[in-house]
C-alpha atoms as a PDB file:
ATOM      1  CA  MET A   1     106.974 114.363 119.189  1.00  0.00           C
ATOM      2  CA  ILE A   2     104.114 112.142 118.030  1.00  0.00           C
ATOM      3  CA  VAL A   3     103.965 108.552 116.838  1.00  0.00           C
ATOM      4  CA  VAL A   4     101.821 107.811 113.809  1.00  0.00           C
ATOM      5  CA  PRO A   5     100.814 104.179 113.165  1.00  0.00           C
ATOM      6  CA  ALA A   6     101.247 103.072 109.561  1.00  0.00           C
ATOM      7  CA  VAL A   7      98.402 101.488 107.616  1.00  0.00           C
ATOM      8  CA  ASP A   8     100.016 100.264 104.396  1.00  0.00           C
ATOM      9  CA  LEU A   9      97.518  98.944 101.856  1.00  0.00           C
ATOM     10  CA  ARG A  10      98.101  96.117  99.404  1.00  0.00           C
ATOM     11  CA  GLY A  11      95.431  94.113  97.639  1.00  0.00           C
ATOM     12  CA  GLY A  12      92.729  95.444  99.963  1.00  0.00           C
ATOM     13  CA  ALA A  13      94.612  94.383 103.105  1.00  0.00           C
ATOM     14  CA  CYS A  14      96.800  96.121 105.676  1.00  0.00           C
ATOM     15  CA  VAL A  15     100.361  94.828 105.283  1.00  0.00           C
ATOM     16  CA  GLN A  16     103.895  95.321 106.506  1.00  0.00           C
ATOM     17  CA  LEU A  17     106.891  94.664 104.256  1.00  0.00           C
ATOM     18  CA  GLU A  18     110.493  94.037 105.230  1.00  0.00           C
ATOM     19  CA  GLY A  19     113.064  96.314 103.667  1.00  0.00           C
ATOM     20  CA  GLY A  20     110.629  97.641 101.084  1.00  0.00           C
ATOM     21  CA  ASP A  21     110.641  94.195  99.434  1.00  0.00           C
ATOM     22  CA  TYR A  22     107.275  93.142  98.007  1.00  0.00           C
ATOM     23  CA  GLN A  23     108.352  89.514  98.241  1.00  0.00           C
ATOM     24  CA  ARG A  24     108.810  89.810 102.011  1.00  0.00           C
ATOM     25  CA  GLU A  25     105.381  90.571 103.383  1.00  0.00           C
ATOM     26  CA  ARG A  26     105.489  89.982 107.145  1.00  0.00           C
ATOM     27  CA  VAL A  27     102.018  91.172 108.196  1.00  0.00           C
ATOM     28  CA  ARG A  28      98.638  90.868 106.407  1.00  0.00           C
ATOM     29  CA  LEU A  29      95.366  91.917 108.032  1.00  0.00           C
ATOM     30  CA  ASP A  30      92.214  91.718 105.953  1.00  0.00           C
ATOM     31  CA  ASP A  31      90.267  94.577 107.595  1.00  0.00           C
ATOM     32  CA  PRO A  32      92.313  97.775 107.194  1.00  0.00           C
ATOM     33  CA  VAL A  33      89.366  99.978 108.196  1.00  0.00           C
ATOM     34  CA  GLY A  34      89.100  98.019 111.430  1.00  0.00           C
ATOM     35  CA  VAL A  35      92.860  98.312 111.926  1.00  0.00           C
ATOM     36  CA  ALA A  36      92.628 102.091 111.571  1.00  0.00           C
ATOM     37  CA  ARG A  37      89.760 102.179 114.064  1.00  0.00           C
ATOM     38  CA  ARG A  38      91.694 100.099 116.609  1.00  0.00           C
ATOM     39  CA  TRP A  39      94.699 102.420 116.481  1.00  0.00           C
ATOM     40  CA  ALA A  40      92.394 105.347 117.237  1.00  0.00           C
ATOM     41  CA  GLU A  41      90.736 103.427 120.079  1.00  0.00           C
ATOM     42  CA  MET A  42      94.171 102.792 121.611  1.00  0.00           C
ATOM     43  CA  GLY A  43      94.806 106.515 121.797  1.00  0.00           C
ATOM     44  CA  PHE A  44      96.639 107.422 118.593  1.00  0.00           C
ATOM     45  CA  ALA A  45      95.298 110.731 117.264  1.00  0.00           C
ATOM     46  CA  HIS A  46      97.195 110.484 113.972  1.00  0.00           C
ATOM     47  CA  LEU A  47      97.283 107.875 111.218  1.00  0.00           C
ATOM     48  CA  HIS A  48      99.513 107.292 108.187  1.00  0.00           C
ATOM     49  CA  VAL A  49      97.789 105.585 105.246  1.00  0.00           C
ATOM     50  CA  VAL A  50      99.680 104.583 102.092  1.00  0.00           C
ATOM     51  CA  ASP A  51      98.372 102.779  99.015  1.00  0.00           C
ATOM     52  CA  LEU A  52     101.347 100.590  98.109  1.00  0.00           C
ATOM     53  CA  ASP A  53      99.658  99.239  94.984  1.00  0.00           C
ATOM     54  CA  ALA A  54      99.102 102.727  93.602  1.00  0.00           C
ATOM     55  CA  ALA A  55     102.671 103.706  94.506  1.00  0.00           C
ATOM     56  CA  THR A  56     104.081 100.848  92.417  1.00  0.00           C
ATOM     57  CA  GLY A  57     101.528 100.840  89.605  1.00  0.00           C
ATOM     58  CA  ARG A  58     100.129  97.469  90.661  1.00  0.00           C
ATOM     59  CA  GLY A  59      96.560  98.640  91.235  1.00  0.00           C
ATOM     60  CA  SER A  60      94.593 100.808  93.633  1.00  0.00           C
ATOM     61  CA  ASN A  61      93.087 100.715  97.110  1.00  0.00           C
ATOM     62  CA  GLU A  62      91.142 103.926  96.538  1.00  0.00           C
ATOM     63  CA  ASP A  63      87.935 102.504  98.046  1.00  0.00           C
ATOM     64  CA  VAL A  64      89.720 101.439 101.225  1.00  0.00           C
ATOM     65  CA  VAL A  65      91.339 104.857 101.597  1.00  0.00           C
ATOM     66  CA  ARG A  66      87.963 106.533 101.186  1.00  0.00           C
ATOM     67  CA  ASP A  67      86.400 104.210 103.789  1.00  0.00           C
ATOM     68  CA  ILE A  68      89.155 104.947 106.296  1.00  0.00           C
ATOM     69  CA  LEU A  69      88.703 108.693 105.830  1.00  0.00           C
ATOM     70  CA  GLU A  70      84.915 108.452 106.104  1.00  0.00           C
ATOM     71  CA  ARG A  71      84.960 106.295 109.223  1.00  0.00           C
ATOM     72  CA  ARG A  72      87.781 107.918 111.157  1.00  0.00           C
ATOM     73  CA  ARG A  73      86.981 109.140 114.638  1.00  0.00           C
ATOM     74  CA  ALA A  74      86.011 112.777 115.103  1.00  0.00           C
ATOM     75  CA  GLY A  75      89.065 114.927 115.524  1.00  0.00           C
ATOM     76  CA  SER A  76      91.507 112.317 114.254  1.00  0.00           C
ATOM     77  CA  ASP A  77      94.212 113.303 111.812  1.00  0.00           C
ATOM     78  CA  VAL A  78      94.931 111.148 108.727  1.00  0.00           C
ATOM     79  CA  GLN A  79      97.705 111.693 106.214  1.00  0.00           C
ATOM     80  CA  VAL A  80      97.386 109.772 102.943  1.00  0.00           C
ATOM     81  CA  GLY A  81      99.722 108.919 100.105  1.00  0.00           C
ATOM     82  CA  GLY A  82     100.796 106.355  97.560  1.00  0.00           C
ATOM     83  CA  GLY A  83     100.763 107.049  93.849  1.00  0.00           C
ATOM     84  CA  VAL A  84      99.627 110.665  94.200  1.00  0.00           C
ATOM     85  CA  ARG A  85     100.925 112.104  90.950  1.00  0.00           C
ATOM     86  CA  SER A  86      98.352 114.667  89.848  1.00  0.00           C
ATOM     87  CA  HIS A  87      96.793 117.868  91.110  1.00  0.00           C
ATOM     88  CA  GLU A  88      93.404 116.151  90.795  1.00  0.00           C
ATOM     89  CA  ALA A  89      94.476 113.314  93.109  1.00  0.00           C
ATOM     90  CA  VAL A  90      95.533 115.849  95.745  1.00  0.00           C
ATOM     91  CA  ASP A  91      92.207 117.656  95.335  1.00  0.00           C
ATOM     92  CA  GLN A  92      90.277 114.426  95.791  1.00  0.00           C
ATOM     93  CA  LEU A  93      92.087 113.315  98.957  1.00  0.00           C
ATOM     94  CA  ILE A  94      91.732 116.710 100.605  1.00  0.00           C
ATOM     95  CA  ALA A  95      88.040 116.798  99.675  1.00  0.00           C
ATOM     96  CA  GLN A  96      87.637 113.364 101.258  1.00  0.00           C
ATOM     97  CA  GLY A  97      89.135 114.631 104.509  1.00  0.00           C
ATOM     98  CA  ALA A  98      92.857 113.902 104.420  1.00  0.00           C
ATOM     99  CA  SER A  99      94.708 116.233 106.793  1.00  0.00           C
ATOM    100  CA  ARG A 100      97.847 116.066 104.663  1.00  0.00           C
ATOM    101  CA  VAL A 101      98.593 114.482 101.309  1.00  0.00           C
ATOM    102  CA  ILE A 102     101.848 112.610 100.853  1.00  0.00           C
ATOM    103  CA  VAL A 103     103.582 113.138  97.513  1.00  0.00           C
ATOM    104  CA  GLY A 104     106.729 111.328  96.525  1.00  0.00           C
ATOM    105  CA  THR A 105     107.843 110.215  93.094  1.00  0.00           C
ATOM    106  CA  ARG A 106     106.511 113.055  90.944  1.00  0.00           C
ATOM    107  CA  ALA A 107     107.239 115.653  93.608  1.00  0.00           C
ATOM    108  CA  ILE A 108     110.910 114.679  93.609  1.00  0.00           C
ATOM    109  CA  GLU A 109     111.307 113.987  89.892  1.00  0.00           C
ATOM    110  CA  GLU A 110     109.344 117.101  88.786  1.00  0.00           C
ATOM    111  CA  PRO A 111     110.048 119.936  91.231  1.00  0.00           C
ATOM    112  CA  GLU A 112     108.085 122.421  89.098  1.00  0.00           C
ATOM    113  CA  TRP A 113     104.938 120.339  89.598  1.00  0.00           C
ATOM    114  CA  LEU A 114     105.549 120.184  93.344  1.00  0.00           C
ATOM    115  CA  GLU A 115     105.969 123.953  93.494  1.00  0.00           C
ATOM    116  CA  ARG A 116     102.639 124.550  91.738  1.00  0.00           C
ATOM    117  CA  VAL A 117     100.686 122.147  93.943  1.00  0.00           C
ATOM    118  CA  ALA A 118     102.365 123.345  97.154  1.00  0.00           C
ATOM    119  CA  GLU A 119     101.440 126.943  96.329  1.00  0.00           C
ATOM    120  CA  HIS A 120      97.826 125.849  95.763  1.00  0.00           C
ATOM    121  CA  TYR A 121      97.699 123.838  99.013  1.00  0.00           C
ATOM    122  CA  PRO A 122     100.121 125.529 101.423  1.00  0.00           C
ATOM    123  CA  GLU A 123     101.069 123.435 104.443  1.00  0.00           C
ATOM    124  CA  ARG A 124      98.965 120.482 103.254  1.00  0.00           C
ATOM    125  CA  LEU A 125     101.639 118.496 101.372  1.00  0.00           C
ATOM    126  CA  LEU A 126     104.060 116.095 102.993  1.00  0.00           C
ATOM    127  CA  VAL A 127     106.949 115.266 100.681  1.00  0.00           C
ATOM    128  CA  ALA A 128     108.035 111.640 101.021  1.00  0.00           C
ATOM    129  CA  ALA A 129     111.684 110.848 100.408  1.00  0.00           C
ATOM    130  CA  ASP A 130     112.446 107.146 100.595  1.00  0.00           C
ATOM    131  CA  VAL A 131     116.163 106.502 100.976  1.00  0.00           C
ATOM    132  CA  ARG A 132     118.624 103.645 100.897  1.00  0.00           C
ATOM    133  CA  GLY A 133     121.682 104.849 102.732  1.00  0.00           C
ATOM    134  CA  ARG A 134     121.351 108.523 101.881  1.00  0.00           C
ATOM    135  CA  LYS A 135     120.301 108.235  98.250  1.00  0.00           C
ATOM    136  CA  VAL A 136     116.687 108.870  97.269  1.00  0.00           C
ATOM    137  CA  VAL A 137     114.639 106.069  95.683  1.00  0.00           C
ATOM    138  CA  THR A 138     111.301 106.565  93.925  1.00  0.00           C
ATOM    139  CA  ARG A 139     108.521 104.612  92.170  1.00  0.00           C
ATOM    140  CA  GLY A 140     107.856 102.337  95.102  1.00  0.00           C
ATOM    141  CA  TRP A 141     111.550 101.898  95.976  1.00  0.00           C
ATOM    142  CA  THR A 142     112.395 100.534  92.498  1.00  0.00           C
ATOM    143  CA  HIS A 143     114.240 103.517  90.983  1.00  0.00           C
ATOM    144  CA  SER A 144     117.436 104.981  92.467  1.00  0.00           C
ATOM    145  CA  LEU A 145     118.239 108.658  91.937  1.00  0.00           C
ATOM    146  CA  PRO A 146     121.653 110.324  92.273  1.00  0.00           C
ATOM    147  CA  ILE A 147     120.229 112.674  94.902  1.00  0.00           C
ATOM    148  CA  ASP A 148     121.462 112.937  98.466  1.00  0.00           C
ATOM    149  CA  VAL A 149     118.533 113.354 100.862  1.00  0.00           C
ATOM    150  CA  ILE A 150     120.259 116.226 102.676  1.00  0.00           C
ATOM    151  CA  ASP A 151     120.539 118.160  99.419  1.00  0.00           C
ATOM    152  CA  LEU A 152     116.875 117.435  98.728  1.00  0.00           C
ATOM    153  CA  ALA A 153     115.828 118.681 102.171  1.00  0.00           C
ATOM    154  CA  GLU A 154     117.669 121.942 101.614  1.00  0.00           C
ATOM    155  CA  GLU A 155     116.095 122.393  98.161  1.00  0.00           C
ATOM    156  CA  LEU A 156     112.607 121.930  99.597  1.00  0.00           C
ATOM    157  CA  ASN A 157     113.061 124.563 102.297  1.00  0.00           C
ATOM    158  CA  ALA A 158     111.766 127.326 100.018  1.00  0.00           C
ATOM    159  CA  LEU A 159     108.330 125.717  99.561  1.00  0.00           C
ATOM    160  CA  PRO A 160     105.214 126.032 101.797  1.00  0.00           C
ATOM    161  CA  LEU A 161     105.124 122.355 102.799  1.00  0.00           C
ATOM    162  CA  ALA A 162     103.571 120.634 105.796  1.00  0.00           C
ATOM    163  CA  GLY A 163     106.683 118.573 106.370  1.00  0.00           C
ATOM    164  CA  LEU A 164     109.233 116.110 105.082  1.00  0.00           C
ATOM    165  CA  LEU A 165     108.708 112.374 105.497  1.00  0.00           C
ATOM    166  CA  VAL A 166     111.888 110.313 105.233  1.00  0.00           C
ATOM    167  CA  THR A 167     111.757 106.520 105.215  1.00  0.00           C
ATOM    168  CA  ALA A 168     115.024 104.674 105.758  1.00  0.00           C
ATOM    169  CA  VAL A 169     114.177 101.768 103.472  1.00  0.00           C
ATOM    170  CA  HIS A 170     117.468  99.998 104.279  1.00  0.00           C
ATOM    171  CA  VAL A 171     116.234  99.347 107.836  1.00  0.00           C
ATOM    172  CA  GLU A 172     112.466  99.272 107.187  1.00  0.00           C
ATOM    173  CA  GLY A 173     110.612  96.393 108.842  1.00  0.00           C
ATOM    174  CA  ARG A 174     113.730  94.641 110.162  1.00  0.00           C
ATOM    175  CA  LEU A 175     113.218  95.454 113.871  1.00  0.00           C
ATOM    176  CA  GLN A 176     116.932  96.135 114.270  1.00  0.00           C
ATOM    177  CA  GLY A 177     116.832  99.829 115.104  1.00  0.00           C
ATOM    178  CA  THR A 178     116.658 102.993 113.059  1.00  0.00           C
ATOM    179  CA  ASP A 179     119.243 105.212 111.356  1.00  0.00           C
ATOM    180  CA  LEU A 180     119.768 107.913 113.972  1.00  0.00           C
ATOM    181  CA  PRO A 181     122.660 109.756 112.237  1.00  0.00           C
ATOM    182  CA  LEU A 182     120.555 110.065 109.086  1.00  0.00           C
ATOM    183  CA  PHE A 183     117.566 111.579 110.869  1.00  0.00           C
ATOM    184  CA  GLU A 184     119.718 113.875 112.995  1.00  0.00           C
ATOM    185  CA  ASP A 185     121.356 115.341 109.888  1.00  0.00           C
ATOM    186  CA  ILE A 186     118.034 115.803 108.094  1.00  0.00           C
ATOM    187  CA  ALA A 187     116.436 117.472 111.121  1.00  0.00           C
ATOM    188  CA  GLU A 188     119.311 119.949 111.151  1.00  0.00           C
ATOM    189  CA  SER A 189     118.953 120.641 107.406  1.00  0.00           C
ATOM    190  CA  SER A 190     115.177 120.956 107.069  1.00  0.00           C
ATOM    191  CA  ARG A 191     113.089 123.878 108.289  1.00  0.00           C
ATOM    192  CA  PHE A 192     109.961 121.704 108.185  1.00  0.00           C
ATOM    193  CA  PRO A 193     108.676 119.158 110.694  1.00  0.00           C
ATOM    194  CA  LEU A 194     110.519 115.905 110.034  1.00  0.00           C
ATOM    195  CA  TYR A 195     108.527 112.685 109.932  1.00  0.00           C
ATOM    196  CA  ALA A 196     110.898 109.749 110.383  1.00  0.00           C
ATOM    197  CA  SER A 197     110.140 106.173 109.370  1.00  0.00           C
ATOM    198  CA  GLY A 198     112.036 102.915 109.208  1.00  0.00           C
ATOM    199  CA  GLY A 199     113.460 100.503 111.735  1.00  0.00           C
ATOM    200  CA  VAL A 200     112.005 101.901 114.956  1.00  0.00           C
ATOM    201  CA  THR A 201     112.005  98.996 117.418  1.00  0.00           C
ATOM    202  CA  THR A 202     112.157 100.230 121.023  1.00  0.00           C
ATOM    203  CA  MET A 203     111.065 103.091 123.234  1.00  0.00           C
ATOM    204  CA  ALA A 204     114.751 104.020 123.354  1.00  0.00           C
ATOM    205  CA  ASP A 205     114.645 104.501 119.566  1.00  0.00           C
ATOM    206  CA  LEU A 206     111.679 106.845 119.966  1.00  0.00           C
ATOM    207  CA  ARG A 207     113.347 108.861 122.706  1.00  0.00           C
ATOM    208  CA  ALA A 208     116.564 109.097 120.701  1.00  0.00           C
ATOM    209  CA  LEU A 209     114.634 110.467 117.708  1.00  0.00           C
ATOM    210  CA  GLU A 210     112.851 112.940 119.976  1.00  0.00           C
ATOM    211  CA  ASP A 211     116.240 114.098 121.280  1.00  0.00           C
ATOM    212  CA  ARG A 212     117.281 114.702 117.673  1.00  0.00           C
ATOM    213  CA  LEU A 213     114.332 117.066 117.131  1.00  0.00           C
ATOM    214  CA  VAL A 214     112.277 114.719 114.976  1.00  0.00           C
ATOM    215  CA  SER A 215     108.664 115.950 115.020  1.00  0.00           C
ATOM    216  CA  ALA A 216     106.864 112.683 114.272  1.00  0.00           C
ATOM    217  CA  VAL A 217     107.683 109.009 113.800  1.00  0.00           C
ATOM    218  CA  VAL A 218     105.720 106.677 111.544  1.00  0.00           C
ATOM    219  CA  VAL A 219     105.821 103.192 113.078  1.00  0.00           C
ATOM    220  CA  GLY A 220     104.650  99.983 111.479  1.00  0.00           C
ATOM    221  CA  MET A 221     106.245  96.598 112.099  1.00  0.00           C
ATOM    222  CA  ALA A 222     107.118  97.185 115.756  1.00  0.00           C
ATOM    223  CA  LEU A 223     103.502  98.020 116.602  1.00  0.00           C
ATOM    224  CA  TYR A 224     101.958  95.221 114.533  1.00  0.00           C
ATOM    225  CA  SER A 225     104.331  92.594 115.906  1.00  0.00           C
ATOM    226  CA  GLY A 226     103.904  93.697 119.526  1.00  0.00           C
ATOM    227  CA  VAL A 227     107.617  94.423 119.930  1.00  0.00           C
ATOM    228  CA  LEU A 228     106.405  97.868 120.984  1.00  0.00           C
ATOM    229  CA  ASP A 229     103.375  97.928 123.274  1.00  0.00           C
ATOM    230  CA  PRO A 230     100.870 100.149 121.424  1.00  0.00           C
ATOM    231  CA  ARG A 231      99.198 101.394 124.596  1.00  0.00           C
ATOM    232  CA  VAL A 232     102.499 102.400 126.152  1.00  0.00           C
ATOM    233  CA  VAL A 233     103.507 104.213 122.970  1.00  0.00           C
ATOM    234  CA  ALA A 234     100.104 105.918 122.684  1.00  0.00           C
ATOM    235  CA  ASP A 235     100.262 107.100 126.300  1.00  0.00           C
ATOM    236  CA  GLU A 236     103.574 108.867 125.688  1.00  0.00           C
ATOM    237  CA  TYR A 237     103.439 109.784 122.014  1.00  0.00           C
ATOM    238  CA  GLY A 238      99.854 109.339 120.801  1.00  0.00           C
ATOM    239  CA  GLU A 239      98.993 113.024 120.437  1.00  0.00           C
END
């Protein structure tokens, strides 16, 4: 299992939100490119970059994303998402050097579109399913769908994806632990690598997710706040 630090972009800064609530911004760092570089220097070989403004239709951090991709360390792996809703956007991110492109809202709401893009870029798309409880939410966590995430995972199994990224929004950023039963059930249902996100607080959380066959964990608040020691995490799960 690997740990992937999150670099969430909002208004040109690197931020962390609590519970997916844009009114509860707990971290703001004004040099996201420098943040990305520091994670690499600490020993993390993978990075998770999301444009929150693009995901919610509030704007774009396209220039910052491009700078992060251009300045990443040789051999580092960067997955990018947030508001990716066209074939052209996927093309552009892959051309800029993204290892995987994260697709969420349109991929879930228009499965025919996802099928076409996945066939064009096999094993390069990471489908992001944000959930509250076990129901999928889209459009930057603002729109609830009557879809159970387990059913979604099973539907996606036929496609040539790179993986499934599930964020437990109901525990995101709260530093109170993650939703282990949720991730265990998804790992059992999906044939793809499972990327888990939301609520990870301790090394025990990481080891419990590893025991449940989670392939990767995206961690934000716990690393930024120092609740988890980044160097300790990188030593065990950096690559």
